[in-house]
Each structure stands twice: as C-alpha cells, then as structure tokens.
Amino acid sequence: MTMNDQIRSLVMQRAPGSAIKQAAIHSGMLTLRKTGALKAAQGITTVDEILRVTQVDQDF
C-alpha cells in the first residue's frame, strides 16, 4: 500500500495518529492484528502469538 493524497495531507497537517490510521484502514490497509488473524485462520501462526506481539486498538 502506498500513501494516498488524503493520508499525505493528514500527515502534513500533523493530524493525530488515530486519524491517519483510520484513513489508512478506510483506504484498504490491514492492521498487523488483522493480518495475523488471517494467518491464524490459514494455520500459519497461532492466536496466542498474535496476541503476544500486537496491541489492542484503543481508538476504534
């Protein structure tokens, strides 16, 4: 995923990280936790490992 104009604008405005993250997710970005969940469903990793290495999203 590349930075689109909306995200670039938010960065230049020094918007809060939560606003930038929300725009990125809306543009199709998958969070590390969501990507991990997909890999757990494929049997590549475990839920315990995902929970160990990721943080809970506080802003959504």
N, C-alpha and C. Protein backbone atom coordinates (compact mmCIF):
# COMPACT_ATOMS: atom_id res chain seq x y z
N MET A 1 0.84 -1.17 0.00
CA MET A 1 0.00 0.00 0.00
C MET A 1 0.89 1.23 0.00
N THR A 2 0.52 2.19 -0.78
CA THR A 2 1.26 3.44 -0.83
C THR A 2 0.45 4.55 -0.17
N MET A 3 1.13 5.62 0.16
CA MET A 3 0.45 6.75 0.79
C MET A 3 -0.38 7.49 -0.26
N ASN A 4 -1.67 7.63 0.00
CA ASN A 4 -2.51 8.36 -0.94
C ASN A 4 -2.56 9.84 -0.54
N ASP A 5 -3.23 10.65 -1.35
CA ASP A 5 -3.28 12.09 -1.10
C ASP A 5 -3.93 12.45 0.23
N GLN A 6 -4.96 11.71 0.60
CA GLN A 6 -5.65 12.00 1.87
C GLN A 6 -4.71 11.76 3.05
N ILE A 7 -4.01 10.64 3.04
CA ILE A 7 -3.10 10.32 4.14
C ILE A 7 -1.94 11.31 4.16
N ARG A 8 -1.40 11.63 2.99
CA ARG A 8 -0.32 12.61 2.90
C ARG A 8 -0.76 13.95 3.49
N SER A 9 -1.96 14.37 3.17
CA SER A 9 -2.49 15.63 3.70
C SER A 9 -2.60 15.58 5.22
N LEU A 10 -3.09 14.47 5.75
CA LEU A 10 -3.21 14.33 7.20
C LEU A 10 -1.85 14.38 7.88
N VAL A 11 -0.86 13.74 7.27
CA VAL A 11 0.49 13.77 7.83
C VAL A 11 1.03 15.20 7.82
N MET A 12 0.85 15.89 6.70
CA MET A 12 1.35 17.26 6.58
C MET A 12 0.67 18.21 7.57
N GLN A 13 -0.59 17.91 7.91
CA GLN A 13 -1.34 18.72 8.88
C GLN A 13 -1.01 18.33 10.32
N ARG A 14 -0.14 17.32 10.46
CA ARG A 14 0.20 16.78 11.78
C ARG A 14 -1.04 16.30 12.54
N ALA A 15 -1.91 15.61 11.80
CA ALA A 15 -3.13 15.05 12.39
C ALA A 15 -2.75 13.97 13.39
N PRO A 16 -3.63 13.69 14.34
CA PRO A 16 -3.36 12.61 15.30
C PRO A 16 -3.15 11.27 14.58
N GLY A 17 -2.32 10.44 15.16
CA GLY A 17 -2.06 9.13 14.58
C GLY A 17 -3.32 8.32 14.37
N SER A 18 -4.28 8.47 15.27
CA SER A 18 -5.53 7.71 15.13
C SER A 18 -6.29 8.11 13.87
N ALA A 19 -6.24 9.39 13.50
CA ALA A 19 -6.92 9.86 12.29
C ALA A 19 -6.22 9.32 11.04
N ILE A 20 -4.89 9.30 11.08
CA ILE A 20 -4.12 8.77 9.95
C ILE A 20 -4.38 7.27 9.81
N LYS A 21 -4.38 6.58 10.93
CA LYS A 21 -4.64 5.13 10.91
C LYS A 21 -6.04 4.84 10.37
N GLN A 22 -7.03 5.60 10.81
CA GLN A 22 -8.40 5.39 10.35
C GLN A 22 -8.49 5.61 8.84
N ALA A 23 -7.83 6.65 8.33
CA ALA A 23 -7.84 6.91 6.88
C ALA A 23 -7.16 5.78 6.13
N ALA A 24 -6.06 5.27 6.67
CA ALA A 24 -5.34 4.18 6.02
C ALA A 24 -6.19 2.91 5.98
N ILE A 25 -6.85 2.60 7.08
CA ILE A 25 -7.73 1.43 7.12
C ILE A 25 -8.87 1.59 6.12
N HIS A 26 -9.44 2.79 6.06
CA HIS A 26 -10.52 3.07 5.11
C HIS A 26 -10.03 2.89 3.67
N SER A 27 -8.74 3.15 3.45
CA SER A 27 -8.15 3.01 2.11
C SER A 27 -7.71 1.59 1.79
N GLY A 28 -7.89 0.67 2.73
CA GLY A 28 -7.59 -0.72 2.46
C GLY A 28 -6.45 -1.33 3.25
N MET A 29 -5.81 -0.56 4.12
CA MET A 29 -4.73 -1.12 4.91
C MET A 29 -5.28 -2.13 5.92
N LEU A 30 -4.56 -3.22 6.10
CA LEU A 30 -4.90 -4.18 7.13
C LEU A 30 -3.96 -3.97 8.31
N THR A 31 -4.49 -3.96 9.52
CA THR A 31 -3.64 -3.83 10.69
C THR A 31 -2.85 -5.12 10.88
N LEU A 32 -1.78 -5.03 11.66
CA LEU A 32 -0.97 -6.21 11.94
C LEU A 32 -1.82 -7.28 12.61
N ARG A 33 -2.70 -6.88 13.51
CA ARG A 33 -3.55 -7.84 14.20
C ARG A 33 -4.50 -8.54 13.22
N LYS A 34 -5.07 -7.77 12.30
CA LYS A 34 -6.00 -8.37 11.33
C LYS A 34 -5.26 -9.31 10.39
N THR A 35 -4.07 -8.91 9.95
CA THR A 35 -3.25 -9.77 9.10
C THR A 35 -2.90 -11.06 9.85
N GLY A 36 -2.56 -10.91 11.13
CA GLY A 36 -2.25 -12.08 11.95
C GLY A 36 -3.44 -13.02 12.06
N ALA A 37 -4.63 -12.46 12.22
CA ALA A 37 -5.83 -13.29 12.33
C ALA A 37 -6.05 -14.10 11.05
N LEU A 38 -5.80 -13.47 9.91
CA LEU A 38 -5.92 -14.20 8.64
C LEU A 38 -4.90 -15.34 8.57
N LYS A 39 -3.69 -15.08 9.04
CA LYS A 39 -2.65 -16.12 9.04
C LYS A 39 -2.98 -17.24 10.04
N ALA A 40 -3.60 -16.89 11.15
CA ALA A 40 -4.02 -17.92 12.11
C ALA A 40 -5.09 -18.81 11.48
N ALA A 41 -6.00 -18.20 10.74
CA ALA A 41 -7.04 -18.98 10.07
C ALA A 41 -6.45 -19.93 9.02
N GLN A 42 -5.29 -19.56 8.47
CA GLN A 42 -4.62 -20.41 7.49
C GLN A 42 -3.71 -21.44 8.15
N GLY A 43 -3.57 -21.36 9.47
CA GLY A 43 -2.71 -22.29 10.18
C GLY A 43 -1.24 -21.91 10.18
N ILE A 44 -0.91 -20.69 9.76
CA ILE A 44 0.47 -20.25 9.66
C ILE A 44 1.01 -19.82 11.03
N THR A 45 0.14 -19.28 11.88
CA THR A 45 0.53 -18.85 13.22
C THR A 45 -0.60 -19.18 14.18
N THR A 46 -0.44 -18.78 15.43
CA THR A 46 -1.47 -19.06 16.43
C THR A 46 -2.06 -17.76 16.97
N VAL A 47 -3.24 -17.87 17.53
CA VAL A 47 -3.87 -16.71 18.15
C VAL A 47 -3.02 -16.22 19.32
N ASP A 48 -2.45 -17.14 20.08
CA ASP A 48 -1.59 -16.74 21.20
C ASP A 48 -0.42 -15.89 20.72
N GLU A 49 0.17 -16.25 19.60
CA GLU A 49 1.30 -15.49 19.07
C GLU A 49 0.85 -14.10 18.62
N ILE A 50 -0.30 -14.02 17.99
CA ILE A 50 -0.83 -12.72 17.55
C ILE A 50 -1.05 -11.81 18.76
N LEU A 51 -1.67 -12.34 19.79
CA LEU A 51 -1.93 -11.54 20.98
C LEU A 51 -0.64 -11.14 21.68
N ARG A 52 0.38 -11.97 21.60
CA ARG A 52 1.65 -11.66 22.25
C ARG A 52 2.37 -10.48 21.58
N VAL A 53 2.29 -10.40 20.26
CA VAL A 53 3.09 -9.42 19.54
C VAL A 53 2.33 -8.18 19.04
N THR A 54 1.03 -8.12 19.24
CA THR A 54 0.27 -6.96 18.79
C THR A 54 -0.42 -6.28 19.95
N GLN A 55 -0.86 -5.06 19.70
CA GLN A 55 -1.57 -4.28 20.71
C GLN A 55 -3.03 -4.18 20.34
N VAL A 56 -3.87 -4.02 21.34
CA VAL A 56 -5.30 -3.84 21.12
C VAL A 56 -5.50 -2.43 20.57
N ASP A 57 -6.35 -2.30 19.55
CA ASP A 57 -6.68 -0.98 19.03
C ASP A 57 -7.54 -0.24 20.04
N GLN A 58 -7.01 0.85 20.54
CA GLN A 58 -7.73 1.64 21.54
C GLN A 58 -8.69 2.64 20.90
N ASP A 59 -8.40 3.06 19.65
CA ASP A 59 -9.16 4.16 19.07
C ASP A 59 -10.33 3.73 18.17
N PHE A 60 -10.61 2.44 18.11
CA PHE A 60 -11.72 2.03 17.23
C PHE A 60 -12.66 1.14 17.97
